[in-house]
Protein backbone atom coordinates (compact mmCIF):
# COMPACT_ATOMS: atom_id res chain seq x y z
CA UNK A 1 -165.80 46.06 -7.53
CA UNK A 2 -163.31 46.99 -10.18
CA UNK A 3 -162.39 45.17 -13.39
CA UNK A 4 -158.84 43.96 -13.97
CA UNK A 5 -159.24 44.36 -17.73
CA UNK A 6 -157.31 47.28 -19.16
CA UNK A 7 -159.02 49.97 -21.15
CA UNK A 8 -158.70 49.31 -24.87
CA UNK A 9 -155.91 51.27 -26.52
CA UNK A 10 -156.96 54.03 -28.88
CA UNK A 11 -157.32 53.13 -32.54
CA UNK A 12 -154.04 53.45 -34.44
CA UNK A 13 -153.79 56.28 -36.91
CA UNK A 14 -154.98 55.07 -40.29
CA UNK A 15 -153.12 56.09 -43.44
CA UNK A 16 -155.01 57.33 -46.44
CA UNK A 17 -155.00 55.55 -49.79
CA UNK A 18 -152.67 58.28 -51.04
CA UNK A 19 -150.22 57.83 -48.16
CA UNK A 20 -150.29 54.05 -48.50
CA UNK A 21 -149.67 54.34 -52.25
CA UNK A 22 -146.65 56.60 -51.86
CA UNK A 23 -145.22 54.18 -49.29
CA UNK A 24 -145.80 51.27 -51.69
CA UNK A 25 -144.02 53.13 -54.48
CA UNK A 26 -141.20 54.09 -52.13
CA UNK A 27 -140.60 50.53 -50.94
CA UNK A 28 -140.46 49.31 -54.55
CA UNK A 29 -138.00 51.98 -55.68
CA UNK A 30 -140.53 53.87 -57.81
CA UNK A 31 -139.75 57.36 -56.56
CA UNK A 32 -139.47 58.94 -60.03
CA UNK A 33 -142.85 59.73 -61.59
CA UNK A 34 -143.08 60.36 -65.32
CA UNK A 35 -146.19 62.29 -66.24
CA UNK A 36 -148.25 65.01 -67.82
CA UNK A 37 -150.96 65.96 -65.32
CA UNK A 38 -154.63 66.65 -65.82
CA UNK A 39 -157.35 67.56 -63.35
CA UNK A 40 -158.02 63.93 -62.39
CA UNK A 41 -154.40 63.48 -61.33
CA UNK A 42 -153.99 66.59 -59.17
CA UNK A 43 -155.35 65.06 -55.93
CA UNK A 44 -152.68 62.35 -56.15
CA UNK A 45 -149.83 64.70 -57.10
CA UNK A 46 -150.65 67.50 -54.66
CA UNK A 47 -148.21 67.69 -51.72
CA UNK A 48 -146.01 65.02 -53.30
CA UNK A 49 -143.42 63.72 -50.78
CA UNK A 50 -140.03 65.42 -50.99
CA UNK A 51 -138.18 62.17 -51.74
CA UNK A 52 -140.13 61.78 -55.01
CA UNK A 53 -139.16 63.32 -58.34
CA UNK A 54 -141.65 64.36 -61.01
CA UNK A 55 -140.38 64.36 -64.62
CA UNK A 56 -142.75 66.37 -66.81
CA UNK A 57 -143.25 65.62 -70.49
CA UNK A 58 -145.29 67.91 -72.74
CA UNK A 59 -147.19 65.06 -74.43
CA UNK A 60 -148.20 61.68 -73.05
CA UNK A 61 -146.47 59.84 -75.91
CA UNK A 62 -143.24 61.57 -74.91
CA UNK A 63 -143.87 60.76 -71.24
CA UNK A 64 -144.26 57.07 -72.11
CA UNK A 65 -141.14 57.12 -74.29
CA UNK A 66 -138.99 58.71 -71.57
CA UNK A 67 -140.23 56.16 -69.03
CA UNK A 68 -139.67 53.33 -71.53
CA UNK A 69 -136.05 54.36 -72.10
CA UNK A 70 -135.48 54.84 -68.37
CA UNK A 71 -136.90 51.41 -67.44
CA UNK A 72 -135.04 49.55 -70.18
CA UNK A 73 -131.71 51.20 -69.38
CA UNK A 74 -132.02 50.88 -65.60
CA UNK A 75 -133.46 47.37 -65.65
CA UNK A 76 -136.04 48.53 -63.09
CA UNK A 77 -139.74 49.32 -63.41
CA UNK A 78 -140.79 52.93 -63.99
CA UNK A 79 -143.97 54.62 -62.76
CA UNK A 80 -146.07 56.57 -65.27
CA UNK A 81 -148.98 58.88 -64.44
CA UNK A 82 -151.38 59.60 -67.33
CA UNK A 83 -154.54 61.64 -67.69
CA UNK A 84 -157.69 59.52 -67.96
CA UNK A 85 -158.81 58.21 -71.36
CA UNK A 86 -157.43 61.03 -73.47
CA UNK A 87 -153.96 60.90 -71.96
CA UNK A 88 -153.90 57.12 -72.18
CA UNK A 89 -154.94 57.37 -75.82
CA UNK A 90 -152.12 59.82 -76.53
CA UNK A 91 -149.66 57.33 -75.04
CA UNK A 92 -150.94 54.20 -76.82
CA UNK A 93 -148.54 54.45 -79.76
CA UNK A 94 -145.59 54.51 -77.38
CA UNK A 95 -147.17 51.71 -75.36
CA UNK A 96 -146.85 49.35 -78.35
CA UNK A 97 -143.07 49.74 -78.19
CA UNK A 98 -143.01 49.10 -74.44
CA UNK A 99 -145.13 45.97 -74.85
CA UNK A 100 -142.90 44.40 -77.49
CA UNK A 101 -139.68 45.34 -75.71
CA UNK A 102 -140.88 43.73 -72.46
CA UNK A 103 -140.48 47.02 -70.62
CA UNK A 104 -141.67 46.97 -66.98
CA UNK A 105 -143.89 50.06 -66.71
CA UNK A 106 -146.49 50.65 -63.98
CA UNK A 107 -149.01 53.01 -65.53
CA UNK A 108 -151.57 54.84 -63.45
CA UNK A 109 -154.35 56.94 -64.94
CA UNK A 110 -156.65 59.40 -63.20
CA UNK A 111 -160.38 58.72 -63.28
CA UNK A 112 -163.43 60.79 -62.52
CA UNK A 113 -165.22 60.61 -59.14
CA UNK A 114 -166.65 57.12 -58.72
CA UNK A 115 -170.27 58.18 -58.44
CA UNK A 116 -170.14 60.03 -61.77
CA UNK A 117 -168.38 57.52 -64.04
CA UNK A 118 -171.60 55.85 -65.16
CA UNK A 119 -173.07 59.19 -66.19
CA UNK A 120 -170.10 59.66 -68.54
CA UNK A 121 -169.17 63.02 -67.12
CA UNK A 122 -166.36 64.93 -68.77
CA UNK A 123 -163.04 63.06 -68.37
CA UNK A 124 -164.73 59.85 -67.22
CA UNK A 125 -162.94 56.78 -68.59
CA UNK A 126 -165.81 54.36 -69.15
CA UNK A 127 -164.69 50.71 -68.99
CA UNK A 128 -161.21 51.99 -68.21
CA UNK A 129 -159.47 48.57 -67.92
CA UNK A 130 -160.39 47.75 -71.52
CA UNK A 131 -158.69 50.81 -73.01
CA UNK A 132 -155.01 49.72 -72.97
CA UNK A 133 -155.67 46.07 -73.86
CA UNK A 134 -154.03 44.00 -75.26
CA UNK A 135 -150.84 46.03 -74.71
CA UNK A 136 -150.58 45.48 -70.96
CA UNK A 137 -150.10 42.39 -68.79
CA UNK A 138 -152.63 43.56 -66.18
CA UNK A 139 -155.35 46.21 -66.32
CA UNK A 140 -157.70 47.16 -63.51
CA UNK A 141 -159.88 49.76 -61.89
CA UNK A 142 -160.17 48.74 -58.23
CA UNK A 143 -163.75 48.03 -57.13
CA UNK A 144 -163.27 50.02 -53.90
CA UNK A 145 -160.91 52.79 -52.74
CA UNK A 146 -159.36 50.54 -50.11
CA UNK A 147 -158.21 48.14 -52.85
CA UNK A 148 -156.13 50.78 -54.69
CA UNK A 149 -152.80 50.08 -52.93
CA UNK A 150 -153.22 46.31 -53.33
CA UNK A 151 -154.12 46.67 -57.04
CA UNK A 152 -151.07 48.89 -57.59
CA UNK A 153 -148.97 46.30 -55.77
CA UNK A 154 -150.28 43.65 -58.13
CA UNK A 155 -149.42 45.90 -61.06
CA UNK A 156 -145.86 46.39 -59.78
CA UNK A 157 -145.18 42.69 -59.22
CA UNK A 158 -146.81 41.68 -62.51
CA UNK A 159 -144.75 44.23 -64.45
CA UNK A 160 -141.53 42.86 -62.94
CA UNK A 161 -142.21 39.15 -63.54
CA UNK A 162 -140.87 37.53 -66.73
CA UNK A 163 -141.79 38.30 -69.35
CA UNK A 164 -141.67 41.84 -68.02
CA UNK A 165 -144.10 44.37 -69.42
CA UNK A 166 -146.47 47.28 -68.83
CA UNK A 167 -149.43 47.24 -66.43
CA UNK A 168 -152.29 49.74 -66.00
CA UNK A 169 -154.45 50.91 -63.10
CA UNK A 170 -157.27 53.49 -63.38
CA UNK A 171 -157.90 55.32 -60.09
CA UNK A 172 -160.90 57.60 -59.32
CA UNK A 173 -159.59 60.82 -57.85
CA UNK A 174 -161.94 60.78 -54.85
CA UNK A 175 -160.21 57.57 -53.64
CA UNK A 176 -157.03 59.25 -52.45
CA UNK A 177 -158.31 60.72 -49.17
CA UNK A 178 -160.17 57.55 -48.09
CA UNK A 179 -158.70 55.55 -45.19
CA UNK A 180 -156.65 52.75 -46.71
CA UNK A 181 -157.80 50.01 -44.35
CA UNK A 182 -155.93 47.06 -42.79
CA UNK A 183 -155.03 45.28 -46.05
CA UNK A 184 -152.73 48.12 -47.06
CA UNK A 185 -150.57 47.61 -43.95
CA UNK A 186 -148.99 44.57 -45.61
CA UNK A 187 -148.89 45.60 -49.27
CA UNK A 188 -145.72 47.71 -49.16
CA UNK A 189 -143.64 45.03 -47.41
CA UNK A 190 -144.19 42.25 -49.94
CA UNK A 191 -141.50 40.77 -52.18
CA UNK A 192 -142.24 38.52 -55.15
CA UNK A 193 -139.44 36.45 -56.66
CA UNK A 194 -139.28 34.01 -59.56
CA UNK A 195 -136.98 31.14 -60.47
CA UNK A 196 -136.70 29.85 -64.01
CA UNK A 197 -133.60 27.70 -64.31
CA UNK A 198 -133.75 24.65 -66.60
CA UNK A 199 -133.75 21.24 -64.97
CA UNK A 200 -130.66 19.08 -65.17
CA UNK A 201 -132.21 16.93 -67.90
CA UNK A 202 -133.29 20.00 -69.90
CA UNK A 203 -129.77 21.44 -69.68
CA UNK A 204 -128.21 18.17 -70.79
CA UNK A 205 -130.63 18.03 -73.72
CA UNK A 206 -129.55 21.55 -74.78
CA UNK A 207 -125.88 20.61 -74.52
CA UNK A 208 -126.39 17.38 -76.46
CA UNK A 209 -128.36 19.15 -79.18
CA UNK A 210 -125.68 21.80 -79.65
CA UNK A 211 -122.83 19.27 -79.49
CA UNK A 212 -124.35 17.00 -82.13
CA UNK A 213 -124.95 19.75 -84.69
CA UNK A 214 -122.53 19.99 -87.61
CA UNK A 215 -123.08 23.67 -88.38
CA UNK A 216 -125.05 25.46 -85.63
CA UNK A 217 -125.79 29.19 -85.70
CA UNK A 218 -126.81 31.50 -82.86
CA UNK A 219 -129.57 34.12 -83.19
CA UNK A 220 -129.81 36.48 -80.22
CA UNK A 221 -132.63 38.83 -79.27
CA UNK A 222 -133.32 41.80 -77.01
CA UNK A 223 -134.06 39.76 -73.90
CA UNK A 224 -130.40 38.69 -73.79
CA UNK A 225 -129.41 42.33 -73.38
CA UNK A 226 -132.28 43.00 -70.97
CA UNK A 227 -131.04 40.11 -68.81
CA UNK A 228 -127.46 41.44 -69.06
CA UNK A 229 -126.42 38.00 -70.32
CA UNK A 230 -124.26 39.38 -73.17
CA UNK A 231 -120.95 38.17 -71.73
CA UNK A 232 -122.18 34.60 -71.40
CA UNK A 233 -123.49 34.76 -74.97
CA UNK A 234 -119.97 35.75 -76.10
CA UNK A 235 -118.44 32.87 -74.16
CA UNK A 236 -120.87 30.38 -75.70
CA UNK A 237 -120.23 31.69 -79.21
CA UNK A 238 -116.47 31.50 -78.73
CA UNK A 239 -116.52 28.00 -77.21
CA UNK A 240 -118.48 26.62 -80.15
CA UNK A 241 -117.10 29.01 -82.80
CA UNK A 242 -120.67 30.00 -83.65
CA UNK A 243 -121.61 32.70 -86.13
CA UNK A 244 -123.95 35.11 -84.34
CA UNK A 245 -126.86 36.96 -85.89
CA UNK A 246 -129.17 39.39 -84.12
CA UNK A 247 -132.91 38.73 -84.49
CA UNK A 248 -134.88 40.91 -86.95
CA UNK A 249 -135.83 44.54 -86.22
CA UNK A 250 -133.53 44.47 -83.20
CA UNK A 251 -134.59 46.87 -80.42
CA UNK A 252 -131.47 46.11 -78.34
CA UNK A 253 -127.91 44.88 -78.94
CA UNK A 254 -127.24 41.48 -77.31
CA UNK A 255 -123.75 40.88 -78.77
CA UNK A 256 -120.73 43.15 -79.38
CA UNK A 257 -120.88 44.31 -82.98
CA UNK A 258 -117.11 44.36 -83.40
CA UNK A 259 -116.66 40.72 -82.39
CA UNK A 260 -115.23 38.34 -84.99
CA UNK A 261 -118.28 36.04 -84.66
CA UNK A 262 -120.83 38.82 -85.28
CA UNK A 263 -122.59 38.58 -88.64
CA UNK A 264 -125.21 41.34 -88.48
CA UNK A 265 -128.96 41.70 -88.07
CA UNK A 266 -131.33 39.31 -89.83
CA UNK A 267 -133.84 40.84 -92.25
CA UNK A 268 -137.47 40.86 -91.17
CA UNK A 269 -138.73 38.53 -93.90
CA UNK A 270 -139.22 34.78 -94.25
CA UNK A 271 -137.28 34.48 -97.49
CA UNK A 272 -134.48 36.74 -96.28
CA UNK A 273 -133.92 34.86 -93.04
CA UNK A 274 -133.98 31.44 -94.67
CA UNK A 275 -131.50 32.57 -97.32
CA UNK A 276 -128.97 33.87 -94.78
CA UNK A 277 -129.29 30.84 -92.48
CA UNK A 278 -129.11 28.30 -95.30
CA UNK A 279 -126.52 25.60 -94.64
CA UNK A 280 -126.94 25.57 -90.86
CA UNK A 281 -128.45 22.35 -89.52
CA UNK A 282 -129.29 23.90 -86.12
CA UNK A 283 -130.61 27.42 -85.51
CA UNK A 284 -130.57 28.39 -81.82
CA UNK A 285 -132.71 31.46 -81.06
CA UNK A 286 -132.32 32.95 -77.59
CA UNK A 287 -134.29 35.89 -76.17
CA UNK A 288 -136.33 36.77 -79.27
CA UNK A 289 -139.57 35.77 -80.99
CA UNK A 290 -139.37 33.23 -83.82
CA UNK A 291 -139.53 35.46 -85.88
CA UNK A 292 -140.99 39.01 -86.02
CA UNK A 293 -141.41 39.55 -89.74
CA UNK A 294 -142.14 42.93 -91.31
CA UNK A 295 -141.83 43.17 -95.08
CA UNK A 296 -143.88 40.41 -96.74
CA UNK A 297 -141.42 38.29 -98.68
CA UNK A 298 -142.86 34.75 -98.50
CA UNK A 299 -140.53 31.80 -98.33
CA UNK A 300 -139.72 28.73 -96.31
CA UNK A 301 -139.84 29.28 -92.56
CA UNK A 302 -136.60 27.33 -92.20
CA UNK A 303 -133.87 26.37 -94.64
CA UNK A 304 -134.00 22.79 -95.91
CA UNK A 305 -132.39 20.33 -93.52
CA UNK A 306 -132.33 22.64 -90.51
CA UNK A 307 -134.06 22.49 -87.14
CA UNK A 308 -134.73 25.30 -84.69
CA UNK A 309 -134.33 25.48 -80.94
CA UNK A 310 -136.02 28.43 -79.21
CA UNK A 311 -135.12 29.64 -75.69
CA UNK A 312 -137.39 32.43 -74.43
CA UNK A 313 -138.62 34.03 -71.20
CA UNK A 314 -142.06 34.59 -72.77
CA UNK A 315 -144.55 31.67 -72.81
CA UNK A 316 -146.65 33.50 -75.42
CA UNK A 317 -143.68 33.71 -77.79
CA UNK A 318 -143.06 30.01 -77.37
CA UNK A 319 -146.72 29.12 -77.90
CA UNK A 320 -147.32 31.16 -81.06
CA UNK A 321 -144.12 30.21 -82.90
CA UNK A 322 -144.90 28.20 -86.07
CA UNK A 323 -141.71 26.10 -85.96
CA UNK A 324 -139.04 24.70 -83.67
CA UNK A 325 -138.83 23.28 -80.16
CA UNK A 326 -139.05 25.81 -77.32
CA UNK A 327 -137.86 26.09 -73.74
CA UNK A 328 -139.38 28.79 -71.52
CA UNK A 329 -136.80 29.74 -68.91
CA UNK A 330 -134.73 32.52 -67.40
CA UNK A 331 -132.50 33.79 -70.22
CA UNK A 332 -129.60 34.81 -67.98
CA UNK A 333 -129.53 31.49 -66.16
CA UNK A 334 -129.71 29.39 -69.34
CA UNK A 335 -126.84 31.29 -70.94
CA UNK A 336 -124.80 31.17 -67.73
CA UNK A 337 -125.18 27.40 -67.53
CA UNK A 338 -124.42 26.86 -71.21
CA UNK A 339 -121.36 29.13 -71.04
CA UNK A 340 -120.13 27.24 -67.95
CA UNK A 341 -120.86 23.64 -68.92
CA UNK A 342 -120.78 23.54 -72.73
CA UNK A 343 -117.65 21.72 -73.95
CA UNK A 344 -115.60 23.41 -76.66
CA UNK A 345 -116.41 22.24 -80.18
CA UNK A 346 -112.88 22.39 -81.59
CA UNK A 347 -113.98 24.30 -84.69
CA UNK A 348 -111.57 26.85 -86.21
CA UNK A 349 -112.15 30.48 -85.20
CA UNK A 350 -114.21 32.69 -87.49
CA UNK A 351 -112.96 35.69 -89.43
CA UNK A 352 -114.36 39.16 -88.90
CA UNK A 353 -116.73 40.27 -91.64
CA UNK A 354 -115.63 43.01 -94.03
CA UNK A 355 -117.54 46.32 -94.07
CA UNK A 356 -117.40 48.27 -97.36
CA UNK A 357 -116.11 51.82 -97.50
CA UNK A 358 -118.60 54.68 -97.17
CA UNK A 359 -119.96 56.10 -100.44
CA UNK A 360 -119.23 59.64 -101.53
CA UNK A 361 -121.26 62.47 -100.01
CA UNK A 362 -123.27 64.79 -102.29
CA UNK A 363 -122.48 68.45 -101.60
CA UNK A 364 -123.51 69.27 -98.02
CA UNK A 365 -125.60 66.07 -97.85
CA UNK A 366 -123.41 63.51 -96.13
CA UNK A 367 -123.77 59.80 -96.74
CA UNK A 368 -125.27 58.19 -93.59
CA UNK A 369 -122.36 55.74 -93.63
CA UNK A 370 -119.95 58.68 -93.32
CA UNK A 371 -121.97 60.08 -90.41
CA UNK A 372 -121.80 56.74 -88.61
CA UNK A 373 -118.06 56.42 -89.21
CA UNK A 374 -117.56 59.81 -87.54
CA UNK A 375 -119.83 58.90 -84.64
CA UNK A 376 -117.98 55.62 -84.15
CA UNK A 377 -114.63 57.42 -84.09
CA UNK A 378 -115.68 60.13 -81.63
CA UNK A 379 -118.14 58.41 -79.26
CA UNK A 380 -116.88 57.12 -75.91
CA UNK A 381 -116.12 53.41 -75.71
CA UNK A 382 -119.19 52.85 -73.48
CA UNK A 383 -121.57 55.19 -75.31
CA UNK A 384 -125.27 54.32 -75.52
CA UNK A 385 -127.04 54.74 -78.84
CA UNK A 386 -130.77 55.33 -79.13
CA UNK A 387 -131.73 54.94 -82.78
CA UNK A 388 -134.80 56.09 -84.65
CA UNK A 389 -133.37 56.74 -88.10
CA UNK A 390 -135.30 53.84 -89.54
CA UNK A 391 -134.02 53.87 -93.12
CA UNK A 392 -130.37 53.71 -92.02
CA UNK A 393 -130.58 50.92 -89.42
CA UNK A 394 -128.46 48.46 -91.40
CA UNK A 395 -125.69 50.98 -91.99
CA UNK A 396 -125.62 51.90 -88.30
CA UNK A 397 -125.28 48.26 -87.20
CA UNK A 398 -122.45 47.80 -89.71
CA UNK A 399 -120.44 50.85 -88.71
CA UNK A 400 -121.11 51.79 -85.06
CA UNK A 401 -119.40 49.51 -82.59
CA UNK A 402 -121.42 48.58 -79.53
CA UNK A 403 -119.36 46.78 -76.92
CA UNK A 404 -121.26 46.69 -73.63
CA UNK A 405 -124.69 45.59 -72.38
CA UNK A 406 -127.32 48.30 -72.59
CA UNK A 407 -125.64 50.08 -75.52
CA UNK A 408 -128.51 50.23 -78.02
CA UNK A 409 -132.25 50.96 -78.01
CA UNK A 410 -134.71 51.05 -80.92
CA UNK A 411 -138.56 51.13 -81.04
CA UNK A 412 -139.52 47.47 -80.64
CA UNK A 413 -142.81 47.80 -82.49
CA UNK A 414 -141.76 50.48 -84.96
CA UNK A 415 -143.92 53.11 -83.27
CA UNK A 416 -142.38 56.46 -84.20
CA UNK A 417 -141.79 59.01 -81.46
CA UNK A 418 -139.69 56.64 -79.35
CA UNK A 419 -136.21 57.93 -80.15
CA UNK A 420 -135.99 61.43 -78.70
CA UNK A 421 -137.94 60.69 -75.49
CA UNK A 422 -136.18 57.36 -74.93
CA UNK A 423 -132.80 59.04 -75.33
CA UNK A 424 -133.77 61.40 -72.50
CA UNK A 425 -134.94 58.50 -70.32
CA UNK A 426 -131.86 56.39 -71.00
CA UNK A 427 -129.53 59.28 -70.12
CA UNK A 428 -131.52 59.89 -66.94
CA UNK A 429 -131.05 56.23 -65.99
CA UNK A 430 -127.36 56.14 -67.01
CA UNK A 431 -125.73 59.37 -65.79
CA UNK A 432 -122.26 57.79 -65.99
CA UNK A 433 -122.54 56.98 -69.72
CA UNK A 434 -123.07 59.35 -72.65
CA UNK A 435 -126.22 58.83 -74.68
CA UNK A 436 -126.33 59.69 -78.39
CA UNK A 437 -129.74 59.78 -80.03
CA UNK A 438 -129.60 59.17 -83.78
CA UNK A 439 -132.93 60.42 -85.07
CA UNK A 440 -134.41 60.70 -88.56
CA UNK A 441 -136.09 63.96 -89.49
CA UNK A 442 -139.43 62.23 -89.98
CA UNK A 443 -139.20 60.52 -86.59
CA UNK A 444 -138.01 63.65 -84.79
CA UNK A 445 -141.31 65.44 -85.28
CA UNK A 446 -143.19 62.79 -83.31
CA UNK A 447 -141.25 63.39 -80.09
CA UNK A 448 -139.69 66.83 -80.50
CA UNK A 449 -141.11 68.12 -77.20
CA UNK A 450 -138.73 65.76 -75.39
CA UNK A 451 -136.18 68.52 -75.94
CA UNK A 452 -138.02 70.71 -73.46
CA UNK A 453 -137.81 68.01 -70.79
CA UNK A 454 -134.11 67.48 -71.52
CA UNK A 455 -133.44 71.21 -71.16
CA UNK A 456 -135.56 71.61 -68.01
CA UNK A 457 -133.97 68.60 -66.28
CA UNK A 458 -130.47 69.40 -67.66
CA UNK A 459 -130.13 65.93 -69.17
CA UNK A 460 -127.03 66.01 -71.42
CA UNK A 461 -128.26 63.78 -74.25
CA UNK A 462 -126.73 64.46 -77.66
CA UNK A 463 -129.32 64.34 -80.46
CA UNK A 464 -128.00 63.89 -84.01
CA UNK A 465 -130.84 64.54 -86.45
CA UNK A 466 -130.32 63.04 -89.91
CA UNK A 467 -132.27 65.34 -92.21
CA UNK A 468 -132.94 63.99 -95.71
CA UNK A 469 -136.28 65.76 -96.16
CA UNK A 470 -138.28 62.58 -96.66
CA UNK A 471 -139.62 59.46 -94.99
CA UNK A 472 -136.75 57.34 -96.29
CA UNK A 473 -138.02 53.98 -95.03
CA UNK A 474 -141.43 54.58 -96.63
CA UNK A 475 -139.80 55.49 -99.93
CA UNK A 476 -137.96 52.16 -99.84
CA UNK A 477 -141.20 50.33 -99.04
CA UNK A 478 -142.98 52.11 -101.91
CA UNK A 479 -140.34 50.73 -104.25
CA UNK A 480 -140.48 47.25 -102.68
CA UNK A 481 -144.29 47.15 -102.96
CA UNK A 482 -144.24 48.64 -106.48
CA UNK A 483 -146.59 51.45 -105.43
CA UNK A 484 -145.31 54.01 -107.93
CA UNK A 485 -145.28 57.70 -107.03
CA UNK A 486 -146.88 58.10 -103.61
CA UNK A 487 -148.03 61.32 -101.90
CA UNK A 488 -147.13 62.36 -98.37
CA UNK A 489 -143.58 61.01 -98.26
CA UNK A 490 -141.63 64.29 -98.27
CA UNK A 491 -141.15 66.60 -95.26
CA UNK A 492 -138.87 69.39 -96.50
CA UNK A 493 -138.08 72.79 -95.00
CA UNK A 494 -137.93 71.96 -91.28
CA UNK A 495 -135.28 73.86 -89.31
CA UNK A 496 -134.45 71.57 -86.39
CA UNK A 497 -131.84 73.94 -85.02
CA UNK A 498 -134.48 76.65 -84.67
CA UNK A 499 -136.92 74.20 -83.07
CA UNK A 500 -134.28 73.03 -80.59
CA UNK A 501 -133.35 76.57 -79.57
CA UNK A 502 -137.03 77.33 -79.07
CA UNK A 503 -137.16 74.54 -76.48
CA UNK A 504 -133.99 75.83 -74.79
CA UNK A 505 -131.51 73.37 -76.28
CA UNK A 506 -128.18 74.33 -77.85
CA UNK A 507 -128.16 73.45 -81.56
CA UNK A 508 -125.76 73.49 -84.49
CA UNK A 509 -125.53 72.21 -88.06
CA UNK A 510 -122.68 70.01 -89.37
CA UNK A 511 -122.21 70.25 -93.16
CA UNK A 512 -118.94 68.27 -93.32
CA UNK A 513 -117.44 65.22 -91.59
CA UNK A 514 -114.85 67.49 -89.99
CA UNK A 515 -117.52 69.82 -88.61
CA UNK A 516 -119.51 66.86 -87.31
CA UNK A 517 -116.43 65.55 -85.53
CA UNK A 518 -115.81 68.94 -83.89
CA UNK A 519 -119.43 69.51 -82.89
CA UNK A 520 -119.92 66.00 -81.51
CA UNK A 521 -116.71 66.24 -79.50
CA UNK A 522 -117.91 69.52 -77.98
CA UNK A 523 -121.42 68.19 -77.31
CA UNK A 524 -120.08 65.14 -75.50
CA UNK A 525 -118.23 67.43 -73.10
CA UNK A 526 -121.33 69.47 -72.29
CA UNK A 527 -123.48 69.06 -69.18
CA UNK A 528 -126.60 70.13 -71.12
CA UNK A 529 -128.43 68.63 -74.11
CA UNK A 530 -127.30 69.41 -77.65
CA UNK A 531 -128.88 68.99 -81.09
CA UNK A 532 -126.65 68.49 -84.15
CA UNK A 533 -128.48 68.60 -87.47
CA UNK A 534 -126.86 66.84 -90.44
CA UNK A 535 -128.22 66.88 -93.98
CA UNK A 536 -127.88 63.38 -95.44
CA UNK A 537 -128.47 61.44 -98.62
CA UNK A 538 -131.22 58.82 -98.77
CA UNK A 539 -130.43 55.11 -98.60
CA UNK A 540 -132.63 52.02 -98.59
CA UNK A 541 -132.95 49.83 -95.50
CA UNK A 542 -133.29 46.73 -97.68
């Protein structure tokens, strides 16, 4: 007697955790890995698939900065691979900028073998998920090897949901060769979407509020640029003849700086903001916190007789604000609807603000205003500017015209070391646009090794280093805070051209406006990175 039942088919070939992870990354477009490897990371990186690219940075802070610039400029998440606790610690300063700029980063960190973590062996990251908090949206060390792909999937989808931001997963290095298990078969094929449009009644309330105001003003923040909603913001401003300010300490440019309605960047102080917005009965803040203050200049939160309306993609920003009504929604969709349905106000058009002439240079030390005038004249119409010359921010916003979305990046939390790495990452993400990094001499030393990555990867970023031999912003703060003479504020005698050449980057010095024009023109035609050092006078950011 024979059985009609067929013999069971052989078990399907199981993928390893490593194979399942690479497939997950591949399906989510994360085929560029930014990292600086240590021993815990080698089992993951060994035999990396040929369709993946590894971008090496010489310090984890630089790695994070390059990835931050890349993710912000591309609008897509970036994958970062760090080395255990020490590498994560090295990257924490840069992580503050990524957190406050809502940058979608998926950060993985190597961990010691699972059975040895409790013994605190060398390079064990004890309580690993606690280390990056509170600067990540999600932090985990999977409880079992088979949960690694799912946990990384959660990190990817969490990083990409509004408000976007960094996530962190610690992975023991003996997990990679374990069979992934059945759960991982579904992880790579998932798609998570969000919808955040205002309801019809909410939209009508916004329109009615704006229409009834006598003298409304628009304050735009970085999330407008991140959402690529700049054009709709222009339409709204023109329809209502609104003066437009950019929110304090702006890390991105949400509105064209040459537009007649543009008024500048608000100062990062209570008293300063209230003074500039005095006379407006309605303050509409879109895509920014309300407000991120810096220098302590107490004053009224709002001018007398004004009310504030806050539109944000971040529930935490809405919840912690001390004033105003808030709507949490998709920034791009809100601006699109307002630009489409808002009736014109019939107010007269505004006049363009007047920018004063640049002051005289002193010998071979150029006035920063003169430097920015030259840059503005020479740079391509769609150039991208990455700025970390912190004492000259106001002069740059006044004199360098930014016309298109994604044209400006600045450290969102003031963490130095962002500028040079981010300029590399932005250029990597935007090969069809030219990136100009404007870097202070104090800031340059925090991320100087980014030059090596730029040279190795042949990334044609132009770095203009403004060398005034001091921490200019700190000198201004010392005066503001009445600190008197303060040690540790001068950094003279650094030869940035020599440093750049040591990392394999072409470098030159520009002692005159004419030389700067010539050297910048040449650098913008190059297919390799260039450093231009310019000695400058010191100005105050206040």
